[in-house]
Structures are given as C-alpha cells and as structure tokens.
Amino acid sequence: MPKTGPKRTQQYSEEFKAAAVQLSALPDVRIKDVAEALDIHAFMLSRWRKEAREGRIVTKKRLPDVDQEVEAELKRLKQIEKEHKLLKTEHELLKKAIRFCSSRDSKSSNS
C-alpha cells in the first residue's frame, strides 16, 4: 500500500499575489472573474485581498505591467455576463407568458 503524505499545496510568489489583488481591484471587475482567469479559487484571492489591506502583501499603487488586453477582456466578460443574466430573465418571463396564454386558451376552448 503506497504511503500518502500531507497534500501539497501550490505556493504563489508575493508578486503573483500582489498582481492578482491589483487585477481584482480594477473597476467593474469581479473577484470571481479574476480568480477564474488566474486558475485560483476565489476564496484564496479574497484572502489575499484581506492580507493586502492588512499590509501583509505589499502592492504598488498601480501595476505598470497590467496587460490592457486582460483588463479589456475582464470588462467584456462582465458585460456579457450582465447581458446573459438579462436575457435569462426575459426568457423566463416569456415562458411564463406562453404558459399563461396557453392555459387561458385551453380553458376558453373547453367551455
């Protein structure tokens, strides 16, 4: 039987953590989106943000090498998610309206 030891965890550099925190601080960007883009758990990014507020992770005022394409892509993703949520809501309303109208039609045709 193979020996199993403690689970190994990924170690991230302070620079990576600081960059992740700064990306998540961009306007109109969600923590969840940044975490998914960096392939980390959103809770971990939230913890890093807390550590940055407490001064345990040192961040610059503005990350100079933030890729403008990444920033634009995150904003575009947020916009698409917002539009998708609206479309889902409209779709649900239309389904309810169809059910309502078809139930009225079936009731009126039975009489």
PDB file of N, CA and C in Angstrom:
ATOM      1  N   MET A   1       0.857  -1.183   0.000  1.00  0.00           N
ATOM      2  CA  MET A   1       0.000   0.000   0.000  1.00  0.00           C
ATOM      3  C   MET A   1       0.901   1.244   0.000  1.00  0.00           C
ATOM      4  N   PRO A   2       0.684   2.156  -0.959  1.00  0.00           N
ATOM      5  CA  PRO A   2       1.550   3.343  -1.020  1.00  0.00           C
ATOM      6  C   PRO A   2       1.274   4.287   0.141  1.00  0.00           C
ATOM      7  N   LYS A   3       2.357   4.885   0.584  1.00  0.00           N
ATOM      8  CA  LYS A   3       2.220   5.876   1.660  1.00  0.00           C
ATOM      9  C   LYS A   3       1.666   7.173   1.093  1.00  0.00           C
ATOM     10  N   THR A   4       0.736   7.723   1.798  1.00  0.00           N
ATOM     11  CA  THR A   4       0.211   9.031   1.400  1.00  0.00           C
ATOM     12  C   THR A   4       0.593  10.028   2.472  1.00  0.00           C
ATOM     13  N   GLY A   5       1.123  11.122   2.027  1.00  0.00           N
ATOM     14  CA  GLY A   5       1.527  12.163   2.956  1.00  0.00           C
ATOM     15  C   GLY A   5       0.553  13.311   2.921  1.00  0.00           C
ATOM     16  N   PRO A   6       0.931  14.375   3.555  1.00  0.00           N
ATOM     17  CA  PRO A   6       0.054  15.553   3.522  1.00  0.00           C
ATOM     18  C   PRO A   6      -0.058  16.084   2.101  1.00  0.00           C
ATOM     19  N   LYS A   7      -1.207  16.630   1.812  1.00  0.00           N
ATOM     20  CA  LYS A   7      -1.456  17.184   0.485  1.00  0.00           C
ATOM     21  C   LYS A   7      -0.548  18.388   0.246  1.00  0.00           C
ATOM     22  N   ARG A   8       0.078  18.405  -0.905  1.00  0.00           N
ATOM     23  CA  ARG A   8       0.963  19.523  -1.257  1.00  0.00           C
ATOM     24  C   ARG A   8       0.113  20.660  -1.800  1.00  0.00           C
ATOM     25  N   THR A   9       0.423  21.840  -1.382  1.00  0.00           N
ATOM     26  CA  THR A   9      -0.306  22.999  -1.866  1.00  0.00           C
ATOM     27  C   THR A   9       0.598  23.847  -2.748  1.00  0.00           C
ATOM     28  N   GLN A  10      -0.025  24.547  -3.657  1.00  0.00           N
ATOM     29  CA  GLN A  10       0.703  25.430  -4.566  1.00  0.00           C
ATOM     30  C   GLN A  10       1.176  26.662  -3.801  1.00  0.00           C
ATOM     31  N   GLN A  11       2.436  27.011  -3.981  1.00  0.00           N
ATOM     32  CA  GLN A  11       2.982  28.210  -3.371  1.00  0.00           C
ATOM     33  C   GLN A  11       3.055  29.300  -4.436  1.00  0.00           C
ATOM     34  N   TYR A  12       2.490  30.452  -4.137  1.00  0.00           N
ATOM     35  CA  TYR A  12       2.493  31.566  -5.078  1.00  0.00           C
ATOM     36  C   TYR A  12       3.452  32.643  -4.589  1.00  0.00           C
ATOM     37  N   SER A  13       4.111  33.280  -5.525  1.00  0.00           N
ATOM     38  CA  SER A  13       5.047  34.343  -5.159  1.00  0.00           C
ATOM     39  C   SER A  13       4.278  35.577  -4.686  1.00  0.00           C
ATOM     40  N   GLU A  14       4.973  36.414  -3.944  1.00  0.00           N
ATOM     41  CA  GLU A  14       4.364  37.663  -3.473  1.00  0.00           C
ATOM     42  C   GLU A  14       3.982  38.549  -4.654  1.00  0.00           C
ATOM     43  N   GLU A  15       4.780  38.523  -5.720  1.00  0.00           N
ATOM     44  CA  GLU A  15       4.477  39.328  -6.907  1.00  0.00           C
ATOM     45  C   GLU A  15       3.180  38.859  -7.558  1.00  0.00           C
ATOM     46  N   PHE A  16       3.002  37.524  -7.636  1.00  0.00           N
ATOM     47  CA  PHE A  16       1.774  36.975  -8.220  1.00  0.00           C
ATOM     48  C   PHE A  16       0.565  37.388  -7.395  1.00  0.00           C
ATOM     49  N   LYS A  17       0.691  37.256  -6.073  1.00  0.00           N
ATOM     50  CA  LYS A  17      -0.408  37.631  -5.180  1.00  0.00           C
ATOM     51  C   LYS A  17      -0.747  39.114  -5.331  1.00  0.00           C
ATOM     52  N   ALA A  18       0.293  39.955  -5.370  1.00  0.00           N
ATOM     53  CA  ALA A  18       0.071  41.401  -5.499  1.00  0.00           C
ATOM     54  C   ALA A  18      -0.591  41.721  -6.832  1.00  0.00           C
ATOM     55  N   ALA A  19      -0.147  41.050  -7.905  1.00  0.00           N
ATOM     56  CA  ALA A  19      -0.744  41.294  -9.218  1.00  0.00           C
ATOM     57  C   ALA A  19      -2.205  40.863  -9.227  1.00  0.00           C
ATOM     58  N   ALA A  20      -2.505  39.718  -8.614  1.00  0.00           N
ATOM     59  CA  ALA A  20      -3.887  39.235  -8.552  1.00  0.00           C
ATOM     60  C   ALA A  20      -4.767  40.212  -7.777  1.00  0.00           C
ATOM     61  N   VAL A  21      -4.249  40.713  -6.667  1.00  0.00           N
ATOM     62  CA  VAL A  21      -5.006  41.678  -5.854  1.00  0.00           C
ATOM     63  C   VAL A  21      -5.280  42.938  -6.666  1.00  0.00           C
ATOM     64  N   GLN A  22      -4.282  43.413  -7.389  1.00  0.00           N
ATOM     65  CA  GLN A  22      -4.467  44.638  -8.166  1.00  0.00           C
ATOM     66  C   GLN A  22      -5.424  44.423  -9.331  1.00  0.00           C
ATOM     67  N   LEU A  23      -5.363  43.268  -9.967  1.00  0.00           N
ATOM     68  CA  LEU A  23      -6.321  42.987 -11.037  1.00  0.00           C
ATOM     69  C   LEU A  23      -7.740  42.972 -10.499  1.00  0.00           C
ATOM     70  N   SER A  24      -7.913  42.394  -9.307  1.00  0.00           N
ATOM     71  CA  SER A  24      -9.261  42.313  -8.732  1.00  0.00           C
ATOM     72  C   SER A  24      -9.766  43.669  -8.260  1.00  0.00           C
ATOM     73  N   ALA A  25      -8.853  44.646  -8.140  1.00  0.00           N
ATOM     74  CA  ALA A  25      -9.255  45.985  -7.698  1.00  0.00           C
ATOM     75  C   ALA A  25      -9.626  46.893  -8.866  1.00  0.00           C
ATOM     76  N   LEU A  26      -9.481  46.400 -10.091  1.00  0.00           N
ATOM     77  CA  LEU A  26      -9.838  47.219 -11.251  1.00  0.00           C
ATOM     78  C   LEU A  26     -11.337  47.503 -11.243  1.00  0.00           C
ATOM     79  N   PRO A  27     -11.747  48.659 -11.745  1.00  0.00           N
ATOM     80  CA  PRO A  27     -13.176  48.972 -11.760  1.00  0.00           C
ATOM     81  C   PRO A  27     -13.943  47.999 -12.652  1.00  0.00           C
ATOM     82  N   ASP A  28     -15.133  47.651 -12.219  1.00  0.00           N
ATOM     83  CA  ASP A  28     -16.043  46.770 -12.963  1.00  0.00           C
ATOM     84  C   ASP A  28     -15.480  45.374 -13.196  1.00  0.00           C
ATOM     85  N   VAL A  29     -14.621  44.906 -12.294  1.00  0.00           N
ATOM     86  CA  VAL A  29     -14.058  43.562 -12.405  1.00  0.00           C
ATOM     87  C   VAL A  29     -14.412  42.803 -11.131  1.00  0.00           C
ATOM     88  N   ARG A  30     -14.915  41.575 -11.311  1.00  0.00           N
ATOM     89  CA  ARG A  30     -15.309  40.768 -10.161  1.00  0.00           C
ATOM     90  C   ARG A  30     -14.166  39.853  -9.728  1.00  0.00           C
ATOM     91  N   ILE A  31     -14.106  39.599  -8.437  1.00  0.00           N
ATOM     92  CA  ILE A  31     -13.089  38.711  -7.881  1.00  0.00           C
ATOM     93  C   ILE A  31     -13.179  37.344  -8.550  1.00  0.00           C
ATOM     94  N   LYS A  32     -14.393  36.861  -8.728  1.00  0.00           N
ATOM     95  CA  LYS A  32     -14.602  35.545  -9.328  1.00  0.00           C
ATOM     96  C   LYS A  32     -13.975  35.463 -10.723  1.00  0.00           C
ATOM     97  N   ASP A  33     -14.140  36.519 -11.519  1.00  0.00           N
ATOM     98  CA  ASP A  33     -13.602  36.526 -12.879  1.00  0.00           C
ATOM     99  C   ASP A  33     -12.076  36.512 -12.873  1.00  0.00           C
ATOM    100  N   VAL A  34     -11.475  37.288 -11.989  1.00  0.00           N
ATOM    101  CA  VAL A  34     -10.016  37.317 -11.899  1.00  0.00           C
ATOM    102  C   VAL A  34      -9.501  35.956 -11.446  1.00  0.00           C
ATOM    103  N   ALA A  35     -10.159  35.381 -10.448  1.00  0.00           N
ATOM    104  CA  ALA A  35      -9.733  34.076  -9.936  1.00  0.00           C
ATOM    105  C   ALA A  35      -9.801  33.017 -11.028  1.00  0.00           C
ATOM    106  N   GLU A  36     -10.881  33.001 -11.789  1.00  0.00           N
ATOM    107  CA  GLU A  36     -11.004  32.026 -12.876  1.00  0.00           C
ATOM    108  C   GLU A  36      -9.927  32.246 -13.927  1.00  0.00           C
ATOM    109  N   ALA A  37      -9.650  33.501 -14.258  1.00  0.00           N
ATOM    110  CA  ALA A  37      -8.633  33.795 -15.262  1.00  0.00           C
ATOM    111  C   ALA A  37      -7.242  33.358 -14.803  1.00  0.00           C
ATOM    112  N   LEU A  38      -6.982  33.436 -13.501  1.00  0.00           N
ATOM    113  CA  LEU A  38      -5.680  33.055 -12.963  1.00  0.00           C
ATOM    114  C   LEU A  38      -5.638  31.604 -12.491  1.00  0.00           C
ATOM    115  N   ASP A  39      -6.761  30.896 -12.630  1.00  0.00           N
ATOM    116  CA  ASP A  39      -6.869  29.487 -12.246  1.00  0.00           C
ATOM    117  C   ASP A  39      -6.574  29.292 -10.758  1.00  0.00           C
ATOM    118  N   ILE A  40      -7.189  30.154  -9.946  1.00  0.00           N
ATOM    119  CA  ILE A  40      -7.109  30.017  -8.494  1.00  0.00           C
ATOM    120  C   ILE A  40      -8.525  30.086  -7.942  1.00  0.00           C
ATOM    121  N   HIS A  41      -8.691  29.697  -6.690  1.00  0.00           N
ATOM    122  CA  HIS A  41     -10.012  29.740  -6.070  1.00  0.00           C
ATOM    123  C   HIS A  41     -10.326  31.172  -5.643  1.00  0.00           C
ATOM    124  N   ALA A  42     -11.567  31.578  -5.804  1.00  0.00           N
ATOM    125  CA  ALA A  42     -11.974  32.945  -5.458  1.00  0.00           C
ATOM    126  C   ALA A  42     -11.745  33.234  -3.971  1.00  0.00           C
ATOM    127  N   PHE A  43     -11.909  32.219  -3.122  1.00  0.00           N
ATOM    128  CA  PHE A  43     -11.671  32.425  -1.693  1.00  0.00           C
ATOM    129  C   PHE A  43     -10.214  32.798  -1.430  1.00  0.00           C
ATOM    130  N   MET A  44      -9.304  32.166  -2.169  1.00  0.00           N
ATOM    131  CA  MET A  44      -7.882  32.462  -1.991  1.00  0.00           C
ATOM    132  C   MET A  44      -7.603  33.917  -2.359  1.00  0.00           C
ATOM    133  N   LEU A  45      -8.186  34.369  -3.459  1.00  0.00           N
ATOM    134  CA  LEU A  45      -7.991  35.757  -3.876  1.00  0.00           C
ATOM    135  C   LEU A  45      -8.589  36.709  -2.842  1.00  0.00           C
ATOM    136  N   SER A  46      -9.734  36.369  -2.293  1.00  0.00           N
ATOM    137  CA  SER A  46     -10.328  37.209  -1.236  1.00  0.00           C
ATOM    138  C   SER A  46      -9.408  37.280  -0.018  1.00  0.00           C
ATOM    139  N   ARG A  47      -8.794  36.148   0.315  1.00  0.00           N
ATOM    140  CA  ARG A  47      -7.863  36.131   1.446  1.00  0.00           C
ATOM    141  C   ARG A  47      -6.657  37.011   1.155  1.00  0.00           C
ATOM    142  N   TRP A  48      -6.142  36.938  -0.068  1.00  0.00           N
ATOM    143  CA  TRP A  48      -5.003  37.785  -0.437  1.00  0.00           C
ATOM    144  C   TRP A  48      -5.375  39.255  -0.378  1.00  0.00           C
ATOM    145  N   ARG A  49      -6.596  39.591  -0.784  1.00  0.00           N
ATOM    146  CA  ARG A  49      -7.047  40.986  -0.714  1.00  0.00           C
ATOM    147  C   ARG A  49      -7.064  41.460   0.741  1.00  0.00           C
ATOM    148  N   LYS A  50      -7.527  40.589   1.637  1.00  0.00           N
ATOM    149  CA  LYS A  50      -7.546  40.926   3.065  1.00  0.00           C
ATOM    150  C   LYS A  50      -6.121  41.123   3.569  1.00  0.00           C
ATOM    151  N   GLU A  51      -5.218  40.215   3.170  1.00  0.00           N
ATOM    152  CA  GLU A  51      -3.821  40.343   3.593  1.00  0.00           C
ATOM    153  C   GLU A  51      -3.198  41.629   3.051  1.00  0.00           C
ATOM    154  N   ALA A  52      -3.589  42.034   1.843  1.00  0.00           N
ATOM    155  CA  ALA A  52      -3.070  43.285   1.271  1.00  0.00           C
ATOM    156  C   ALA A  52      -3.584  44.480   2.080  1.00  0.00           C
ATOM    157  N   ARG A  53      -4.856  44.444   2.478  1.00  0.00           N
ATOM    158  CA  ARG A  53      -5.407  45.532   3.299  1.00  0.00           C
ATOM    159  C   ARG A  53      -4.688  45.622   4.643  1.00  0.00           C
ATOM    160  N   GLU A  54      -4.297  44.458   5.171  1.00  0.00           N
ATOM    161  CA  GLU A  54      -3.605  44.417   6.452  1.00  0.00           C
ATOM    162  C   GLU A  54      -2.109  44.717   6.313  1.00  0.00           C
ATOM    163  N   GLY A  55      -1.624  44.856   5.079  1.00  0.00           N
ATOM    164  CA  GLY A  55      -0.225  45.186   4.851  1.00  0.00           C
ATOM    165  C   GLY A  55       0.698  43.987   4.774  1.00  0.00           C
ATOM    166  N   ARG A  56       0.137  42.773   4.769  1.00  0.00           N
ATOM    167  CA  ARG A  56       0.979  41.583   4.706  1.00  0.00           C
ATOM    168  C   ARG A  56       1.393  41.248   3.276  1.00  0.00           C
ATOM    169  N   ILE A  57       0.659  41.763   2.304  1.00  0.00           N
ATOM    170  CA  ILE A  57       1.049  41.663   0.895  1.00  0.00           C
ATOM    171  C   ILE A  57       1.203  43.092   0.407  1.00  0.00           C
ATOM    172  N   VAL A  58       2.390  43.424  -0.058  1.00  0.00           N
ATOM    173  CA  VAL A  58       2.675  44.793  -0.474  1.00  0.00           C
ATOM    174  C   VAL A  58       2.368  44.929  -1.958  1.00  0.00           C
ATOM    175  N   THR A  59       1.496  45.888  -2.261  1.00  0.00           N
ATOM    176  CA  THR A  59       1.144  46.150  -3.652  1.00  0.00           C
ATOM    177  C   THR A  59       1.546  47.571  -4.005  1.00  0.00           C
ATOM    178  N   LYS A  60       1.860  47.756  -5.265  1.00  0.00           N
ATOM    179  CA  LYS A  60       2.143  49.109  -5.752  1.00  0.00           C
ATOM    180  C   LYS A  60       0.807  49.812  -5.959  1.00  0.00           C
ATOM    181  N   LYS A  61       0.851  51.117  -6.103  1.00  0.00           N
ATOM    182  CA  LYS A  61      -0.396  51.856  -6.343  1.00  0.00           C
ATOM    183  C   LYS A  61      -1.075  51.393  -7.618  1.00  0.00           C
ATOM    184  N   ARG A  62      -0.320  51.215  -8.661  1.00  0.00           N
ATOM    185  CA  ARG A  62      -0.868  50.764  -9.941  1.00  0.00           C
ATOM    186  C   ARG A  62       0.142  49.819 -10.564  1.00  0.00           C
ATOM    187  N   LEU A  63      -0.283  48.658 -10.938  1.00  0.00           N
ATOM    188  CA  LEU A  63       0.603  47.685 -11.547  1.00  0.00           C
ATOM    189  C   LEU A  63       0.936  48.146 -12.956  1.00  0.00           C
ATOM    190  N   PRO A  64       2.201  48.486 -13.226  1.00  0.00           N
ATOM    191  CA  PRO A  64       2.533  49.042 -14.536  1.00  0.00           C
ATOM    192  C   PRO A  64       2.413  48.042 -15.676  1.00  0.00           C
ATOM    193  N   ASP A  65       2.614  46.749 -15.389  1.00  0.00           N
ATOM    194  CA  ASP A  65       2.577  45.780 -16.469  1.00  0.00           C
ATOM    195  C   ASP A  65       1.242  45.060 -16.591  1.00  0.00           C
ATOM    196  N   VAL A  66       0.157  45.683 -16.096  1.00  0.00           N
ATOM    197  CA  VAL A  66      -1.157  45.099 -16.289  1.00  0.00           C
ATOM    198  C   VAL A  66      -1.462  45.143 -17.782  1.00  0.00           C
ATOM    199  N   ASP A  67      -1.683  43.986 -18.314  1.00  0.00           N
ATOM    200  CA  ASP A  67      -1.955  43.883 -19.739  1.00  0.00           C
ATOM    201  C   ASP A  67      -3.312  44.524 -20.033  1.00  0.00           C
ATOM    202  N   GLN A  68      -3.318  45.509 -20.891  1.00  0.00           N
ATOM    203  CA  GLN A  68      -4.557  46.208 -21.225  1.00  0.00           C
ATOM    204  C   GLN A  68      -5.557  45.262 -21.884  1.00  0.00           C
ATOM    205  N   GLU A  69      -5.057  44.254 -22.595  1.00  0.00           N
ATOM    206  CA  GLU A  69      -5.950  43.267 -23.215  1.00  0.00           C
ATOM    207  C   GLU A  69      -6.671  42.455 -22.144  1.00  0.00           C
ATOM    208  N   VAL A  70      -5.956  42.087 -21.086  1.00  0.00           N
ATOM    209  CA  VAL A  70      -6.572  41.329 -19.996  1.00  0.00           C
ATOM    210  C   VAL A  70      -7.635  42.180 -19.318  1.00  0.00           C
ATOM    211  N   GLU A  71      -7.309  43.427 -19.057  1.00  0.00           N
ATOM    212  CA  GLU A  71      -8.267  44.329 -18.425  1.00  0.00           C
ATOM    213  C   GLU A  71      -9.507  44.492 -19.300  1.00  0.00           C
ATOM    214  N   ALA A  72      -9.305  44.679 -20.599  1.00  0.00           N
ATOM    215  CA  ALA A  72     -10.430  44.825 -21.522  1.00  0.00           C
ATOM    216  C   ALA A  72     -11.248  43.541 -21.580  1.00  0.00           C
ATOM    217  N   GLU A  73     -10.567  42.401 -21.567  1.00  0.00           N
ATOM    218  CA  GLU A  73     -11.274  41.115 -21.623  1.00  0.00           C
ATOM    219  C   GLU A  73     -12.115  40.881 -20.375  1.00  0.00           C
ATOM    220  N   LEU A  74     -11.591  41.256 -19.210  1.00  0.00           N
ATOM    221  CA  LEU A  74     -12.360  41.121 -17.978  1.00  0.00           C
ATOM    222  C   LEU A  74     -13.598  42.018 -17.993  1.00  0.00           C
ATOM    223  N   LYS A  75     -13.446  43.223 -18.496  1.00  0.00           N
ATOM    224  CA  LYS A  75     -14.598  44.129 -18.595  1.00  0.00           C
ATOM    225  C   LYS A  75     -15.627  43.581 -19.584  1.00  0.00           C
ATOM    226  N   ARG A  76     -15.136  43.036 -20.708  1.00  0.00           N
ATOM    227  CA  ARG A  76     -16.035  42.470 -21.717  1.00  0.00           C
ATOM    228  C   ARG A  76     -16.782  41.267 -21.137  1.00  0.00           C
ATOM    229  N   LEU A  77     -16.085  40.438 -20.375  1.00  0.00           N
ATOM    230  CA  LEU A  77     -16.713  39.286 -19.747  1.00  0.00           C
ATOM    231  C   LEU A  77     -17.815  39.723 -18.793  1.00  0.00           C
ATOM    232  N   LYS A  78     -17.556  40.753 -18.015  1.00  0.00           N
ATOM    233  CA  LYS A  78     -18.571  41.242 -17.089  1.00  0.00           C
ATOM    234  C   LYS A  78     -19.801  41.742 -17.848  1.00  0.00           C
ATOM    235  N   GLN A  79     -19.580  42.463 -18.949  1.00  0.00           N
ATOM    236  CA  GLN A  79     -20.689  42.963 -19.752  1.00  0.00           C
ATOM    237  C   GLN A  79     -21.497  41.814 -20.346  1.00  0.00           C
ATOM    238  N   ILE A  80     -20.811  40.795 -20.840  1.00  0.00           N
ATOM    239  CA  ILE A  80     -21.501  39.640 -21.422  1.00  0.00           C
ATOM    240  C   ILE A  80     -22.317  38.918 -20.357  1.00  0.00           C
ATOM    241  N   GLU A  81     -21.756  38.757 -19.160  1.00  0.00           N
ATOM    242  CA  GLU A  81     -22.494  38.108 -18.076  1.00  0.00           C
ATOM    243  C   GLU A  81     -23.730  38.915 -17.685  1.00  0.00           C
ATOM    244  N   LYS A  82     -23.611  40.213 -17.689  1.00  0.00           N
ATOM    245  CA  LYS A  82     -24.747  41.082 -17.362  1.00  0.00           C
ATOM    246  C   LYS A  82     -25.846  40.922 -18.415  1.00  0.00           C
ATOM    247  N   GLU A  83     -25.459  40.917 -19.693  1.00  0.00           N
ATOM    248  CA  GLU A  83     -26.422  40.740 -20.771  1.00  0.00           C
ATOM    249  C   GLU A  83     -27.054  39.353 -20.721  1.00  0.00           C
ATOM    250  N   HIS A  84     -26.255  38.349 -20.399  1.00  0.00           N
ATOM    251  CA  HIS A  84     -26.763  36.980 -20.306  1.00  0.00           C
ATOM    252  C   HIS A  84     -27.808  36.868 -19.195  1.00  0.00           C
ATOM    253  N   LYS A  85     -27.539  37.488 -18.064  1.00  0.00           N
ATOM    254  CA  LYS A  85     -28.493  37.464 -16.953  1.00  0.00           C
ATOM    255  C   LYS A  85     -29.813  38.114 -17.366  1.00  0.00           C
ATOM    256  N   LEU A  86     -29.737  39.240 -18.078  1.00  0.00           N
ATOM    257  CA  LEU A  86     -30.940  39.913 -18.555  1.00  0.00           C
ATOM    258  C   LEU A  86     -31.704  39.026 -19.534  1.00  0.00           C
ATOM    259  N   LEU A  87     -30.997  38.393 -20.453  1.00  0.00           N
ATOM    260  CA  LEU A  87     -31.642  37.508 -21.424  1.00  0.00           C
ATOM    261  C   LEU A  87     -32.307  36.316 -20.737  1.00  0.00           C
ATOM    262  N   LYS A  88     -31.660  35.757 -19.715  1.00  0.00           N
ATOM    263  CA  LYS A  88     -32.269  34.648 -18.985  1.00  0.00           C
ATOM    264  C   LYS A  88     -33.562  35.089 -18.297  1.00  0.00           C
ATOM    265  N   THR A  89     -33.550  36.274 -17.724  1.00  0.00           N
ATOM    266  CA  THR A  89     -34.746  36.799 -17.068  1.00  0.00           C
ATOM    267  C   THR A  89     -35.864  37.002 -18.081  1.00  0.00           C
ATOM    268  N   GLU A  90     -35.525  37.607 -19.220  1.00  0.00           N
ATOM    269  CA  GLU A  90     -36.531  37.816 -20.269  1.00  0.00           C
ATOM    270  C   GLU A  90     -37.072  36.485 -20.770  1.00  0.00           C
ATOM    271  N   HIS A  91     -36.213  35.497 -20.922  1.00  0.00           N
ATOM    272  CA  HIS A  91     -36.621  34.183 -21.390  1.00  0.00           C
ATOM    273  C   HIS A  91     -37.612  33.545 -20.421  1.00  0.00           C
ATOM    274  N   GLU A  92     -37.324  33.627 -19.123  1.00  0.00           N
ATOM    275  CA  GLU A  92     -38.224  33.081 -18.110  1.00  0.00           C
ATOM    276  C   GLU A  92     -39.582  33.781 -18.145  1.00  0.00           C
ATOM    277  N   LEU A  93     -39.574  35.102 -18.324  1.00  0.00           N
ATOM    278  CA  LEU A  93     -40.841  35.840 -18.411  1.00  0.00           C
ATOM    279  C   LEU A  93     -41.643  35.417 -19.630  1.00  0.00           C
ATOM    280  N   LEU A  94     -40.968  35.233 -20.749  1.00  0.00           N
ATOM    281  CA  LEU A  94     -41.662  34.790 -21.956  1.00  0.00           C
ATOM    282  C   LEU A  94     -42.252  33.395 -21.784  1.00  0.00           C
ATOM    283  N   LYS A  95     -41.527  32.501 -21.135  1.00  0.00           N
ATOM    284  CA  LYS A  95     -42.059  31.157 -20.894  1.00  0.00           C
ATOM    285  C   LYS A  95     -43.299  31.220 -20.007  1.00  0.00           C
ATOM    286  N   LYS A  96     -43.274  32.077 -18.989  1.00  0.00           N
ATOM    287  CA  LYS A  96     -44.445  32.225 -18.123  1.00  0.00           C
ATOM    288  C   LYS A  96     -45.623  32.793 -18.898  1.00  0.00           C
ATOM    289  N   ALA A  97     -45.363  33.773 -19.766  1.00  0.00           N
ATOM    290  CA  ALA A  97     -46.430  34.363 -20.561  1.00  0.00           C
ATOM    291  C   ALA A  97     -47.041  33.333 -21.507  1.00  0.00           C
ATOM    292  N   ILE A  98     -46.215  32.510 -22.106  1.00  0.00           N
ATOM    293  CA  ILE A  98     -46.715  31.468 -23.006  1.00  0.00           C
ATOM    294  C   ILE A  98     -47.579  30.479 -22.239  1.00  0.00           C
ATOM    295  N   ARG A  99     -47.107  30.047 -21.060  1.00  0.00           N
ATOM    296  CA  ARG A  99     -47.908  29.121 -20.249  1.00  0.00           C
ATOM    297  C   ARG A  99     -49.233  29.755 -19.844  1.00  0.00           C
ATOM    298  N   PHE A 100     -49.189  31.040 -19.465  1.00  0.00           N
ATOM    299  CA  PHE A 100     -50.402  31.734 -19.054  1.00  0.00           C
ATOM    300  C   PHE A 100     -51.392  31.804 -20.210  1.00  0.00           C
ATOM    301  N   CYS A 101     -50.906  32.221 -21.370  1.00  0.00           N
ATOM    302  CA  CYS A 101     -51.790  32.350 -22.533  1.00  0.00           C
ATOM    303  C   CYS A 101     -52.319  30.997 -22.986  1.00  0.00           C
ATOM    304  N   SER A 102     -51.497  29.974 -22.971  1.00  0.00           N
ATOM    305  CA  SER A 102     -51.976  28.657 -23.408  1.00  0.00           C
ATOM    306  C   SER A 102     -52.959  28.081 -22.416  1.00  0.00           C
ATOM    307  N   SER A 103     -52.811  28.354 -21.127  1.00  0.00           N
ATOM    308  CA  SER A 103     -53.784  27.852 -20.157  1.00  0.00           C
ATOM    309  C   SER A 103     -55.106  28.603 -20.308  1.00  0.00           C
ATOM    310  N   ARG A 104     -55.071  29.873 -20.646  1.00  0.00           N
ATOM    311  CA  ARG A 104     -56.300  30.631 -20.880  1.00  0.00           C
ATOM    312  C   ARG A 104     -57.015  30.117 -22.115  1.00  0.00           C
ATOM    313  N   ASP A 105     -56.240  29.835 -23.172  1.00  0.00           N
ATOM    314  CA  ASP A 105     -56.830  29.321 -24.411  1.00  0.00           C
ATOM    315  C   ASP A 105     -57.472  27.960 -24.199  1.00  0.00           C
ATOM    316  N   SER A 106     -56.817  27.101 -23.437  1.00  0.00           N
ATOM    317  CA  SER A 106     -57.381  25.752 -23.217  1.00  0.00           C
ATOM    318  C   SER A 106     -58.629  25.824 -22.336  1.00  0.00           C
ATOM    319  N   LYS A 107     -58.671  26.760 -21.397  1.00  0.00           N
ATOM    320  CA  LYS A 107     -59.857  26.923 -20.555  1.00  0.00           C
ATOM    321  C   LYS A 107     -61.020  27.480 -21.370  1.00  0.00           C
ATOM    322  N   SER A 108     -60.762  28.430 -22.251  1.00  0.00           N
ATOM    323  CA  SER A 108     -61.839  29.032 -23.035  1.00  0.00           C
ATOM    324  C   SER A 108     -62.343  28.077 -24.110  1.00  0.00           C
ATOM    325  N   SER A 109     -61.513  27.156 -24.601  1.00  0.00           N
ATOM    326  CA  SER A 109     -61.955  26.232 -25.630  1.00  0.00           C
ATOM    327  C   SER A 109     -62.771  25.090 -25.034  1.00  0.00           C
ATOM    328  N   ASN A 110     -62.627  24.830 -23.728  1.00  0.00           N
ATOM    329  CA  ASN A 110     -63.389  23.771 -23.079  1.00  0.00           C
ATOM    330  C   ASN A 110     -64.815  24.197 -22.787  1.00  0.00           C
ATOM    331  N   SER A 111     -65.116  25.474 -22.744  1.00  0.00           N
ATOM    332  CA  SER A 111     -66.457  25.903 -22.381  1.00  0.00           C
ATOM    333  C   SER A 111     -67.380  26.035 -23.559  1.00  0.00           C
TER     334      SER A 111
END
